[in-house]
Each structure stands twice: as structure tokens, then as C-alpha cells.
Protein backbone atom coordinates (compact mmCIF):
# COMPACT_ATOMS: atom_id res chain seq x y z
CA GLN A 1 -157.26 112.65 -135.88
CA VAL A 2 -155.76 112.57 -139.35
CA GLN A 3 -157.85 110.96 -142.07
CA LEU A 4 -156.82 110.17 -145.62
CA VAL A 5 -159.46 109.52 -148.25
CA GLU A 6 -158.53 108.22 -151.70
CA SER A 7 -160.73 108.55 -154.76
CA GLY A 8 -160.48 108.23 -158.52
CA GLY A 9 -159.94 104.52 -158.91
CA GLY A 10 -161.88 102.40 -161.37
CA LEU A 11 -161.77 100.14 -164.40
CA VAL A 12 -159.81 101.26 -167.44
CA GLN A 13 -158.50 99.62 -170.58
CA ALA A 14 -154.81 99.11 -171.16
CA GLY A 15 -153.24 102.29 -172.45
CA GLY A 16 -155.75 104.45 -170.61
CA SER A 17 -155.36 106.96 -167.81
CA LEU A 18 -156.68 107.58 -164.32
CA ARG A 19 -156.10 110.30 -161.76
CA LEU A 20 -156.14 109.36 -158.11
CA SER A 21 -156.73 111.90 -155.36
CA CYS A 22 -155.95 111.73 -151.66
CA GLU A 23 -157.63 114.29 -149.43
CA VAL A 24 -156.13 114.70 -146.00
CA SER A 25 -157.82 116.15 -142.94
CA GLY A 26 -155.98 118.20 -140.35
CA ARG A 27 -153.46 121.00 -140.35
CA THR A 28 -150.22 119.13 -140.92
CA PHE A 29 -150.58 118.18 -144.58
CA SER A 30 -148.41 121.01 -145.89
CA SER A 31 -145.51 119.98 -143.64
CA SER A 32 -145.69 116.24 -144.34
CA GLY A 33 -143.97 114.00 -146.81
CA MET A 34 -146.54 111.91 -148.69
CA GLY A 35 -146.54 108.75 -150.74
CA TRP A 36 -148.52 106.33 -152.89
CA PHE A 37 -148.26 102.57 -152.47
CA ARG A 38 -150.13 99.70 -154.08
CA GLN A 39 -150.95 96.09 -153.36
CA ALA A 40 -151.94 93.54 -155.96
CA PRO A 41 -153.72 90.29 -155.04
CA GLY A 42 -151.32 87.81 -153.52
CA LYS A 43 -148.47 90.31 -153.44
CA GLU A 44 -146.90 92.53 -150.83
CA ARG A 45 -147.58 96.24 -150.69
CA GLU A 46 -145.09 98.10 -152.88
CA PHE A 47 -143.89 101.65 -153.21
CA VAL A 48 -145.18 103.67 -156.17
CA ALA A 49 -144.25 107.35 -155.69
CA THR A 50 -143.40 109.88 -153.03
CA ILE A 51 -143.34 113.65 -152.74
CA SER A 52 -141.82 116.03 -150.22
CA ALA A 53 -143.89 118.51 -148.23
CA SER A 54 -143.13 121.40 -150.57
CA GLY A 55 -143.58 119.27 -153.66
CA GLY A 56 -140.05 120.03 -154.71
CA ARG A 57 -138.78 116.48 -154.52
CA THR A 58 -140.43 113.44 -156.06
CA TYR A 59 -139.32 109.87 -156.55
CA TYR A 60 -140.84 106.96 -158.45
CA ALA A 61 -140.61 103.22 -158.60
CA ASP A 62 -138.89 102.09 -161.77
CA SER A 63 -142.05 100.29 -162.87
CA VAL A 64 -144.03 103.55 -163.10
CA LYS A 65 -141.35 106.08 -163.95
CA GLY A 66 -142.29 108.10 -167.02
CA ARG A 67 -145.93 107.01 -166.83
CA PHE A 68 -147.09 108.23 -163.40
CA THR A 69 -146.84 111.73 -161.94
CA ILE A 70 -147.25 112.57 -158.27
CA SER A 71 -148.25 116.07 -157.23
CA ARG A 72 -149.87 117.94 -154.39
CA ASP A 73 -151.90 121.05 -153.70
CA ASN A 74 -151.18 122.18 -150.16
CA ALA A 75 -153.94 124.79 -150.29
CA LYS A 76 -156.43 121.96 -150.84
CA ASN A 77 -154.81 119.40 -148.54
CA THR A 78 -154.80 117.02 -151.48
CA MET A 79 -152.26 114.80 -153.20
CA TYR A 80 -152.65 113.37 -156.68
CA LEU A 81 -151.35 110.52 -158.80
CA GLN A 82 -151.78 110.93 -162.53
CA MET A 83 -151.45 107.51 -164.14
CA ASN A 84 -150.96 107.25 -167.90
CA SER A 85 -150.26 104.34 -170.24
CA LEU A 86 -151.76 101.94 -167.75
CA ASN A 87 -151.19 98.22 -168.21
CA PRO A 88 -152.69 95.15 -166.50
CA GLU A 89 -149.66 94.92 -164.20
CA ASP A 90 -150.80 98.19 -162.61
CA THR A 91 -153.95 96.51 -161.30
CA ALA A 92 -153.94 96.86 -157.51
CA VAL A 93 -155.44 98.64 -154.56
CA TYR A 94 -153.72 102.01 -154.31
CA TYR A 95 -153.08 103.59 -150.93
CA CYS A 96 -151.99 107.07 -150.01
CA ALA A 97 -149.87 107.59 -146.93
CA LYS A 98 -148.65 110.48 -144.79
CA ARG A 99 -145.57 110.91 -142.65
CA ALA A 100 -146.39 112.29 -139.22
CA SER A 101 -143.19 114.12 -138.36
CA SER A 102 -141.15 114.62 -141.48
CA SER A 103 -141.36 116.85 -144.51
CA PHE A 104 -139.15 114.50 -146.50
CA SER A 105 -140.30 112.01 -149.06
CA SER A 106 -139.67 108.31 -148.42
CA ILE A 107 -139.93 105.02 -150.29
CA LYS A 108 -140.30 103.01 -147.06
CA ALA A 109 -143.82 102.10 -145.96
CA SER A 110 -142.60 101.82 -142.38
CA GLU A 111 -141.86 105.54 -142.31
CA TYR A 112 -145.50 106.48 -142.90
CA ASN A 113 -147.84 106.88 -139.97
CA ASN A 114 -151.25 107.41 -141.55
CA TRP A 115 -152.89 105.48 -144.36
CA GLY A 116 -156.01 105.76 -146.44
CA GLN A 117 -158.49 102.95 -146.99
CA GLY A 118 -157.35 102.33 -150.54
CA THR A 119 -158.93 102.66 -153.96
CA GLN A 120 -159.12 99.85 -156.52
CA VAL A 121 -157.53 100.31 -159.93
CA THR A 122 -158.25 97.62 -162.49
CA VAL A 123 -156.65 97.66 -165.93
CA SER A 124 -158.11 95.32 -168.51
CA SER A 125 -156.11 93.98 -171.44
């Protein structure tokens, strides 16, 4: 059974940085498109960033473009989200997600089959 475990969340001041990690169990990580999503209190889950299986293609939500960087290390079965210039609007629970049968990236939550438990990111003003 595939498991995704996020880490790296926490409390940071506006303008600061955090690096989230998502470690994935199993043998299919290197052939799977991956993504980061987030959900703020009272809001729907929203797309943040996605990366193809090879890491060659990435795509970002407009709200994080230029500030966040998604990457992956297939040898370590781990995906990352480097978050810089954080602002209070970035406060949310961040989830990593894995596609079960596609190497392509995707912005649609419905196209992901496995999800982590989430990690809280809080940005103070």
C-alpha cells in the first residue's frame, strides 16, 4: 500500500522560507506524476504545484509562481516544495499527492489517487 508522509511545516514570519518534504513508500514513485495542494480554513483545497515523473515538467498556481519551487529526488522517493517569500495568505494545511497510473503532472485533485495526511504551514504577519 502506498503511503505519503509530509514533513517540514511550521510557523514562520512573513517573508520567511520553509521546505516541505513528501516521502513516498513503494516502487512506483519514479513513474508517477506528483503534486502539492493546500487547504486554508473555510476554503476548498487548491492546487499549488505539480511535477512530472521525470521532473522535467513543472507547473505552478499563479499565486505561488516565482516564490515556490517543486522538485523531486527519485532515488530517495521524495518530493519537495521550497517556499520562499511566504505571506499570511499561504497559511494552510499542505498535502502531497501521487497519481497512480500516470507519469504526467496534473493540476486536478481528482486525478490523484494517493494523499498524505497534510502538514500545517502558518505564516505570521
